[in-house]
Every structure is written in structure tokens, then in C-alpha cells.
Amino acid sequence: MTWWQVLLVIVISYFCGNISFSRIISHKKNADITKMGSGNPGSTNVLRQFGFKFGAVNLLLDMLKAFIPAIACFYIFKQSYLMLYVAGISSMIGHVYPVVFKFRGGKGIATMMGIFLAANPVATLIMLAIGFVIWALFEYGAVVSILCVTCLTVIEGIRLRTVVSSLHIHIISLILFAIFLLTWYAHRKNISRLLLGKENKASLIKKTKKKLKSKTY
């Protein structure tokens, strides 16, 4: 690969991350997600404001905007995990700091999951299932986010040492650490509120029941 190919991947992936599906969904509902609830243009706030269905759709779309560039680069560059992670973190940064929205983006948890889904689908799907169970029981989305990024970065750090070259593993390890730090930093206010017992809850079960009840009537 050449430097201009790497630069092209970074730029394209970054602007894929700039696509704000939460803003698109809220505009379709004649609203502005950045002026509702927490003001965060992410899946959890969409869930709180518009219900489980829209929250799930937003989560899936945000995952795809990291997954698609990452998996495409993996195969374009002959199964290169390095380029997979370069594309993935570029998309994640584009989501958290989108230039088209004056660098006011989401917290990157869905795009982070999209990266790991491309790299290690089995472990990611297991963590998603565990995460949803924990979310349903305790109703704290931030806890799930922190748990997922911590477990998946450790799992990938260990797994990749057996499948990539020694040169690439050092670069990928730095990218994994950057993903870990970016996710924790984006959730710094949530962590503070959790420690103070003031974190807002987002119930998956109540949102689903509320939607089903409205359909019944």
C-alpha cells in the first residue's frame, strides 16, 4: 500500500463517519435531536426520545458507517487488519468529531461496535448480546458502552498477535488503545454521573412495552 492510498482511506472513512443518522431520523420526526434530552446525537438519546425501533435503527446505521469502510478495506488490501482498523477509527473519529457539524458528534459507541464487528464478528455479537442483557437489567447505556469497548479491545489485542505481523501489531495496538481512550473520554460525563449516582437511565424494556401498548390502542 502507498501513503496516498492510506490517506484516501482515512479521508473517505472520516466523512462516512460524518453522516449523522440521528439528525436525519429526528428531522424526519420534525425535531432536532441536539435540542432534545441529553442533546447527544446518538442512539441512546434517539431511544429515549423516539422509542426502541428508532433507537435500534440508528444503532444499526451508525455501526454500518464504520463496518462498511472497515470490511471493504480489509478485502481491498488483501485481508489487512491494519487497514481495517485505520478505516474503522477514521470513521469513529468522524462520528465523534464531524467537521460538517462543527465537530459536535455522538460518543462513538455504535461506530466502535461496527469496527469490531468487521474485525471479530463472533466476539462482537456475543458482547452485544451480553450488553443488551446488562442494559435491560440495569438501564445504564454508558455502563454497556464502557464494558464493550474494554472487553473487545483486550480480546482483539490478544487475538491479533497470532494473525498479523510484528510490525503491524504495534500500530494496531496503538489504534486499539486510541479506540479505548476515545470511548472512555467521550463518556467522561457519564462516568462522573455514575459515580455520583446521577446518571440518567434508558430502559429498553419500558420503551418496547410503551411502543407495543400504543399499537394496541
C-alpha atoms as a PDB file:
ATOM      1  CA  MET A   1       0.000   0.000   0.000  1.00  0.00           C
ATOM      2  CA  THR A   2       1.143   3.586  -0.609  1.00  0.00           C
ATOM      3  CA  TRP A   3       0.810   6.704   1.526  1.00  0.00           C
ATOM      4  CA  TRP A   4      -1.839   8.197  -0.758  1.00  0.00           C
ATOM      5  CA  GLN A   5      -3.955   5.026  -0.501  1.00  0.00           C
ATOM      6  CA  VAL A   6      -3.816   5.233   3.289  1.00  0.00           C
ATOM      7  CA  LEU A   7      -4.689   8.948   3.167  1.00  0.00           C
ATOM      8  CA  LEU A   8      -7.602   8.253   0.822  1.00  0.00           C
ATOM      9  CA  VAL A   9      -8.932   5.579   3.182  1.00  0.00           C
ATOM     10  CA  ILE A  10      -8.669   7.961   6.145  1.00  0.00           C
ATOM     11  CA  VAL A  11     -10.489  10.803   4.354  1.00  0.00           C
ATOM     12  CA  ILE A  12     -13.300   8.665   2.895  1.00  0.00           C
ATOM     13  CA  SER A  13     -13.850   6.797   6.164  1.00  0.00           C
ATOM     14  CA  TYR A  14     -13.812  10.036   8.172  1.00  0.00           C
ATOM     15  CA  PHE A  15     -16.565  11.556   6.029  1.00  0.00           C
ATOM     16  CA  CYS A  16     -18.578   8.337   6.239  1.00  0.00           C
ATOM     17  CA  GLY A  17     -18.464   8.907   9.985  1.00  0.00           C
ATOM     18  CA  ASN A  18     -19.758  12.455   9.475  1.00  0.00           C
ATOM     19  CA  ILE A  19     -23.141  11.096   8.342  1.00  0.00           C
ATOM     20  CA  SER A  20     -25.455  11.768  11.289  1.00  0.00           C
ATOM     21  CA  PHE A  21     -28.331   9.308  11.170  1.00  0.00           C
ATOM     22  CA  SER A  22     -29.705  10.571  14.492  1.00  0.00           C
ATOM     23  CA  ARG A  23     -30.106  14.025  12.968  1.00  0.00           C
ATOM     24  CA  ILE A  24     -31.729  12.532   9.859  1.00  0.00           C
ATOM     25  CA  ILE A  25     -34.169  10.491  11.951  1.00  0.00           C
ATOM     26  CA  SER A  26     -35.077  13.431  14.184  1.00  0.00           C
ATOM     27  CA  HIS A  27     -35.588  15.723  11.181  1.00  0.00           C
ATOM     28  CA  LYS A  28     -37.961  13.141   9.730  1.00  0.00           C
ATOM     29  CA  LYS A  29     -39.874  13.455  13.012  1.00  0.00           C
ATOM     30  CA  ASN A  30     -39.843  17.280  12.688  1.00  0.00           C
ATOM     31  CA  ALA A  31     -37.458  17.611  15.615  1.00  0.00           C
ATOM     32  CA  ASP A  32     -33.805  18.300  16.376  1.00  0.00           C
ATOM     33  CA  ILE A  33     -32.084  15.591  18.418  1.00  0.00           C
ATOM     34  CA  THR A  34     -29.383  18.035  19.555  1.00  0.00           C
ATOM     35  CA  LYS A  35     -32.083  20.055  21.352  1.00  0.00           C
ATOM     36  CA  MET A  36     -33.794  17.101  22.988  1.00  0.00           C
ATOM     37  CA  GLY A  37     -32.921  15.107  26.103  1.00  0.00           C
ATOM     38  CA  SER A  38     -29.162  14.996  26.606  1.00  0.00           C
ATOM     39  CA  GLY A  39     -28.606  16.778  23.300  1.00  0.00           C
ATOM     40  CA  ASN A  40     -26.281  13.994  22.192  1.00  0.00           C
ATOM     41  CA  PRO A  41     -26.810  12.902  18.568  1.00  0.00           C
ATOM     42  CA  GLY A  42     -26.508   9.218  19.347  1.00  0.00           C
ATOM     43  CA  SER A  43     -28.547   6.032  19.577  1.00  0.00           C
ATOM     44  CA  THR A  44     -29.292   6.260  23.313  1.00  0.00           C
ATOM     45  CA  ASN A  45     -30.811   9.727  23.001  1.00  0.00           C
ATOM     46  CA  VAL A  46     -32.795   8.599  19.934  1.00  0.00           C
ATOM     47  CA  LEU A  47     -34.062   5.662  22.003  1.00  0.00           C
ATOM     48  CA  ARG A  48     -35.138   7.968  24.829  1.00  0.00           C
ATOM     49  CA  GLN A  49     -36.893  10.437  22.530  1.00  0.00           C
ATOM     50  CA  PHE A  50     -38.427   8.261  19.794  1.00  0.00           C
ATOM     51  CA  GLY A  51     -38.596   4.736  21.182  1.00  0.00           C
ATOM     52  CA  PHE A  52     -36.902   1.392  20.763  1.00  0.00           C
ATOM     53  CA  LYS A  53     -37.454   0.973  16.999  1.00  0.00           C
ATOM     54  CA  PHE A  54     -35.802   4.247  16.030  1.00  0.00           C
ATOM     55  CA  GLY A  55     -33.036   3.733  18.574  1.00  0.00           C
ATOM     56  CA  ALA A  56     -32.285   0.288  17.140  1.00  0.00           C
ATOM     57  CA  VAL A  57     -32.330   1.586  13.555  1.00  0.00           C
ATOM     58  CA  ASN A  58     -29.966   4.407  14.491  1.00  0.00           C
ATOM     59  CA  LEU A  59     -27.629   1.956  16.270  1.00  0.00           C
ATOM     60  CA  LEU A  60     -27.514  -0.321  13.221  1.00  0.00           C
ATOM     61  CA  LEU A  61     -26.877   2.522  10.767  1.00  0.00           C
ATOM     62  CA  ASP A  62     -24.122   4.025  12.944  1.00  0.00           C
ATOM     63  CA  MET A  63     -22.493   0.603  13.154  1.00  0.00           C
ATOM     64  CA  LEU A  64     -22.641   0.216   9.376  1.00  0.00           C
ATOM     65  CA  LYS A  65     -20.888   3.510   8.668  1.00  0.00           C
ATOM     66  CA  ALA A  66     -17.798   2.089  10.393  1.00  0.00           C
ATOM     67  CA  PHE A  67     -18.344  -1.547   9.432  1.00  0.00           C
ATOM     68  CA  ILE A  68     -18.606  -0.944   5.673  1.00  0.00           C
ATOM     69  CA  PRO A  69     -15.365   1.068   5.239  1.00  0.00           C
ATOM     70  CA  ALA A  70     -13.533  -1.298   7.608  1.00  0.00           C
ATOM     71  CA  ILE A  71     -14.593  -4.563   5.962  1.00  0.00           C
ATOM     72  CA  ALA A  72     -14.130  -3.084   2.470  1.00  0.00           C
ATOM     73  CA  CYS A  73     -10.536  -2.093   3.273  1.00  0.00           C
ATOM     74  CA  PHE A  74      -9.870  -5.494   4.825  1.00  0.00           C
ATOM     75  CA  TYR A  75     -10.532  -7.199   1.488  1.00  0.00           C
ATOM     76  CA  ILE A  76      -9.289  -4.456  -0.842  1.00  0.00           C
ATOM     77  CA  PHE A  77      -5.895  -4.534   0.873  1.00  0.00           C
ATOM     78  CA  LYS A  78      -5.644  -8.353   0.855  1.00  0.00           C
ATOM     79  CA  GLN A  79      -7.096  -9.122   4.289  1.00  0.00           C
ATOM     80  CA  SER A  80      -5.197  -6.373   6.053  1.00  0.00           C
ATOM     81  CA  TYR A  81      -6.293  -5.912   9.663  1.00  0.00           C
ATOM     82  CA  LEU A  82      -4.158  -2.789   9.755  1.00  0.00           C
ATOM     83  CA  MET A  83      -6.214  -1.087   7.041  1.00  0.00           C
ATOM     84  CA  LEU A  84      -9.421  -2.392   8.609  1.00  0.00           C
ATOM     85  CA  TYR A  85      -8.573  -0.565  11.824  1.00  0.00           C
ATOM     86  CA  VAL A  86      -7.292   2.547  10.024  1.00  0.00           C
ATOM     87  CA  ALA A  87     -10.630   2.838   8.214  1.00  0.00           C
ATOM     88  CA  GLY A  88     -12.602   1.991  11.344  1.00  0.00           C
ATOM     89  CA  ILE A  89     -11.043   4.513  13.695  1.00  0.00           C
ATOM     90  CA  SER A  90     -11.217   7.204  10.980  1.00  0.00           C
ATOM     91  CA  SER A  91     -14.962   6.635  10.751  1.00  0.00           C
ATOM     92  CA  MET A  92     -15.278   6.669  14.540  1.00  0.00           C
ATOM     93  CA  ILE A  93     -13.405   9.983  14.774  1.00  0.00           C
ATOM     94  CA  GLY A  94     -15.655  11.338  12.015  1.00  0.00           C
ATOM     95  CA  HIS A  95     -18.682  10.373  14.089  1.00  0.00           C
ATOM     96  CA  VAL A  96     -17.402  11.887  17.346  1.00  0.00           C
ATOM     97  CA  TYR A  97     -15.861  14.994  15.736  1.00  0.00           C
ATOM     98  CA  PRO A  98     -17.743  15.634  12.459  1.00  0.00           C
ATOM     99  CA  VAL A  99     -16.427  18.667  10.600  1.00  0.00           C
ATOM    100  CA  VAL A 100     -19.779  19.140   8.819  1.00  0.00           C
ATOM    101  CA  PHE A 101     -21.486  19.637  12.208  1.00  0.00           C
ATOM    102  CA  LYS A 102     -18.797  21.854  13.732  1.00  0.00           C
ATOM    103  CA  PHE A 103     -17.203  18.832  15.471  1.00  0.00           C
ATOM    104  CA  ARG A 104     -20.328  18.175  17.564  1.00  0.00           C
ATOM    105  CA  GLY A 105     -20.987  14.460  17.199  1.00  0.00           C
ATOM    106  CA  GLY A 106     -22.018  11.411  19.170  1.00  0.00           C
ATOM    107  CA  LYS A 107     -19.995   9.319  21.599  1.00  0.00           C
ATOM    108  CA  GLY A 108     -18.909   6.713  19.069  1.00  0.00           C
ATOM    109  CA  ILE A 109     -20.108   3.534  20.759  1.00  0.00           C
ATOM    110  CA  ALA A 110     -22.061   2.267  17.717  1.00  0.00           C
ATOM    111  CA  THR A 111     -19.234   3.047  15.295  1.00  0.00           C
ATOM    112  CA  MET A 112     -16.833   1.362  17.712  1.00  0.00           C
ATOM    113  CA  MET A 113     -19.004  -1.762  17.636  1.00  0.00           C
ATOM    114  CA  GLY A 114     -19.035  -1.550  13.826  1.00  0.00           C
ATOM    115  CA  ILE A 115     -15.226  -1.684  13.773  1.00  0.00           C
ATOM    116  CA  PHE A 116     -15.086  -4.751  15.998  1.00  0.00           C
ATOM    117  CA  LEU A 117     -17.936  -6.405  14.087  1.00  0.00           C
ATOM    118  CA  ALA A 118     -15.788  -6.223  10.945  1.00  0.00           C
ATOM    119  CA  ALA A 119     -12.668  -7.462  12.748  1.00  0.00           C
ATOM    120  CA  ASN A 120     -14.129 -10.125  15.031  1.00  0.00           C
ATOM    121  CA  PRO A 121     -17.851 -10.735  14.405  1.00  0.00           C
ATOM    122  CA  VAL A 122     -18.257 -13.653  16.816  1.00  0.00           C
ATOM    123  CA  ALA A 123     -16.816 -11.863  19.861  1.00  0.00           C
ATOM    124  CA  THR A 124     -18.665  -8.653  18.965  1.00  0.00           C
ATOM    125  CA  LEU A 125     -22.069 -10.341  18.621  1.00  0.00           C
ATOM    126  CA  ILE A 126     -21.532 -12.116  21.953  1.00  0.00           C
ATOM    127  CA  MET A 127     -20.629  -8.805  23.614  1.00  0.00           C
ATOM    128  CA  LEU A 128     -23.672  -7.136  22.030  1.00  0.00           C
ATOM    129  CA  ALA A 129     -25.936  -9.852  23.425  1.00  0.00           C
ATOM    130  CA  ILE A 130     -24.352  -9.569  26.885  1.00  0.00           C
ATOM    131  CA  GLY A 131     -24.531  -5.785  26.658  1.00  0.00           C
ATOM    132  CA  PHE A 132     -28.243  -5.754  25.857  1.00  0.00           C
ATOM    133  CA  VAL A 133     -28.963  -8.078  28.779  1.00  0.00           C
ATOM    134  CA  ILE A 134     -26.997  -5.816  31.148  1.00  0.00           C
ATOM    135  CA  TRP A 135     -28.740  -2.735  29.704  1.00  0.00           C
ATOM    136  CA  ALA A 136     -32.165  -4.342  30.121  1.00  0.00           C
ATOM    137  CA  LEU A 137     -31.375  -5.247  33.753  1.00  0.00           C
ATOM    138  CA  PHE A 138     -29.651  -2.081  34.936  1.00  0.00           C
ATOM    139  CA  GLU A 139     -30.787   0.516  32.338  1.00  0.00           C
ATOM    140  CA  TYR A 140     -27.435   2.279  32.072  1.00  0.00           C
ATOM    141  CA  GLY A 141     -26.269   2.551  28.466  1.00  0.00           C
ATOM    142  CA  ALA A 142     -22.936   4.094  29.475  1.00  0.00           C
ATOM    143  CA  VAL A 143     -22.029   1.014  31.526  1.00  0.00           C
ATOM    144  CA  VAL A 144     -22.636  -1.193  28.488  1.00  0.00           C
ATOM    145  CA  SER A 145     -20.524   1.087  26.289  1.00  0.00           C
ATOM    146  CA  ILE A 146     -17.573   1.044  28.676  1.00  0.00           C
ATOM    147  CA  LEU A 147     -17.848  -2.706  29.235  1.00  0.00           C
ATOM    148  CA  CYS A 148     -17.960  -3.474  25.497  1.00  0.00           C
ATOM    149  CA  VAL A 149     -15.003  -1.309  24.495  1.00  0.00           C
ATOM    150  CA  THR A 150     -12.890  -2.596  27.393  1.00  0.00           C
ATOM    151  CA  CYS A 151     -13.566  -6.285  26.707  1.00  0.00           C
ATOM    152  CA  LEU A 152     -13.273  -6.057  22.927  1.00  0.00           C
ATOM    153  CA  THR A 153     -10.022  -4.091  22.895  1.00  0.00           C
ATOM    154  CA  VAL A 154      -8.445  -6.677  25.230  1.00  0.00           C
ATOM    155  CA  ILE A 155      -9.810  -9.603  23.187  1.00  0.00           C
ATOM    156  CA  GLU A 156      -8.592  -8.118  19.905  1.00  0.00           C
ATOM    157  CA  GLY A 157      -5.221  -7.153  21.344  1.00  0.00           C
ATOM    158  CA  ILE A 158      -4.634 -10.770  22.339  1.00  0.00           C
ATOM    159  CA  ARG A 159      -6.118 -12.384  19.215  1.00  0.00           C
ATOM    160  CA  LEU A 160      -4.330 -10.255  16.644  1.00  0.00           C
ATOM    161  CA  ARG A 161      -0.896 -11.123  17.998  1.00  0.00           C
ATOM    162  CA  THR A 162      -1.335 -14.549  16.407  1.00  0.00           C
ATOM    163  CA  VAL A 163      -2.597 -13.401  12.983  1.00  0.00           C
ATOM    164  CA  VAL A 164      -0.684 -10.247  11.990  1.00  0.00           C
ATOM    165  CA  SER A 165       2.968  -9.310  11.527  1.00  0.00           C
ATOM    166  CA  SER A 166       5.040  -7.918  14.392  1.00  0.00           C
ATOM    167  CA  LEU A 167       5.250  -4.511  12.664  1.00  0.00           C
ATOM    168  CA  HIS A 168       1.509  -4.217  12.146  1.00  0.00           C
ATOM    169  CA  ILE A 169       0.582  -5.448  15.626  1.00  0.00           C
ATOM    170  CA  HIS A 170       2.325  -2.461  17.216  1.00  0.00           C
ATOM    171  CA  ILE A 171       0.390   0.001  15.035  1.00  0.00           C
ATOM    172  CA  ILE A 172      -2.895  -1.847  15.554  1.00  0.00           C
ATOM    173  CA  SER A 173      -2.277  -1.917  19.319  1.00  0.00           C
ATOM    174  CA  LEU A 174      -1.955   1.871  19.257  1.00  0.00           C
ATOM    175  CA  ILE A 175      -5.203   2.130  17.280  1.00  0.00           C
ATOM    176  CA  LEU A 176      -6.966  -0.183  19.750  1.00  0.00           C
ATOM    177  CA  PHE A 177      -5.706   1.939  22.637  1.00  0.00           C
ATOM    178  CA  ALA A 178      -6.937   5.069  20.822  1.00  0.00           C
ATOM    179  CA  ILE A 179     -10.399   3.498  20.378  1.00  0.00           C
ATOM    180  CA  PHE A 180     -10.413   2.629  24.086  1.00  0.00           C
ATOM    181  CA  LEU A 181      -9.366   6.135  25.153  1.00  0.00           C
ATOM    182  CA  LEU A 182     -11.743   7.883  22.741  1.00  0.00           C
ATOM    183  CA  THR A 183     -14.724   5.888  24.036  1.00  0.00           C
ATOM    184  CA  TRP A 184     -13.857   6.470  27.687  1.00  0.00           C
ATOM    185  CA  TYR A 185     -13.175  10.167  27.081  1.00  0.00           C
ATOM    186  CA  ALA A 186     -16.480  10.596  25.239  1.00  0.00           C
ATOM    187  CA  HIS A 187     -18.242   9.058  28.266  1.00  0.00           C
ATOM    188  CA  ARG A 188     -16.364  11.069  30.908  1.00  0.00           C
ATOM    189  CA  LYS A 189     -19.511  12.966  31.968  1.00  0.00           C
ATOM    190  CA  ASN A 190     -21.498   9.733  32.158  1.00  0.00           C
ATOM    191  CA  ILE A 191     -18.782   8.214  34.343  1.00  0.00           C
ATOM    192  CA  SER A 192     -18.886  11.226  36.669  1.00  0.00           C
ATOM    193  CA  ARG A 193     -22.682  10.991  36.922  1.00  0.00           C
ATOM    194  CA  LEU A 194     -22.478   7.233  37.562  1.00  0.00           C
ATOM    195  CA  LEU A 195     -20.045   7.799  40.434  1.00  0.00           C
ATOM    196  CA  LEU A 196     -22.366  10.458  41.868  1.00  0.00           C
ATOM    197  CA  GLY A 197     -25.467   8.318  41.319  1.00  0.00           C
ATOM    198  CA  LYS A 198     -26.985  10.897  38.960  1.00  0.00           C
ATOM    199  CA  GLU A 199     -26.735   9.094  35.614  1.00  0.00           C
ATOM    200  CA  ASN A 200     -29.938   9.063  33.545  1.00  0.00           C
ATOM    201  CA  LYS A 201     -31.443   5.667  32.797  1.00  0.00           C
ATOM    202  CA  ALA A 202     -32.677   4.491  29.401  1.00  0.00           C
ATOM    203  CA  SER A 203     -34.948   1.452  29.702  1.00  0.00           C
ATOM    204  CA  LEU A 204     -35.083  -0.908  26.733  1.00  0.00           C
ATOM    205  CA  ILE A 205     -37.971  -2.867  28.242  1.00  0.00           C
ATOM    206  CA  LYS A 206     -40.144   0.160  29.076  1.00  0.00           C
ATOM    207  CA  LYS A 207     -39.574   1.708  25.644  1.00  0.00           C
ATOM    208  CA  THR A 208     -40.545  -1.559  23.943  1.00  0.00           C
ATOM    209  CA  LYS A 209     -43.621  -2.046  26.136  1.00  0.00           C
ATOM    210  CA  LYS A 210     -44.698   1.556  25.579  1.00  0.00           C
ATOM    211  CA  LYS A 211     -44.464   1.105  21.811  1.00  0.00           C
ATOM    212  CA  LEU A 212     -46.444  -2.155  21.922  1.00  0.00           C
ATOM    213  CA  LYS A 213     -49.096  -0.564  24.160  1.00  0.00           C
ATOM    214  CA  SER A 214     -49.542   2.388  21.790  1.00  0.00           C
ATOM    215  CA  LYS A 215     -50.019  -0.014  18.881  1.00  0.00           C
ATOM    216  CA  THR A 216     -52.658  -1.956  20.855  1.00  0.00           C
ATOM    217  CA  TYR A 217     -54.749   1.169  21.364  1.00  0.00           C
END
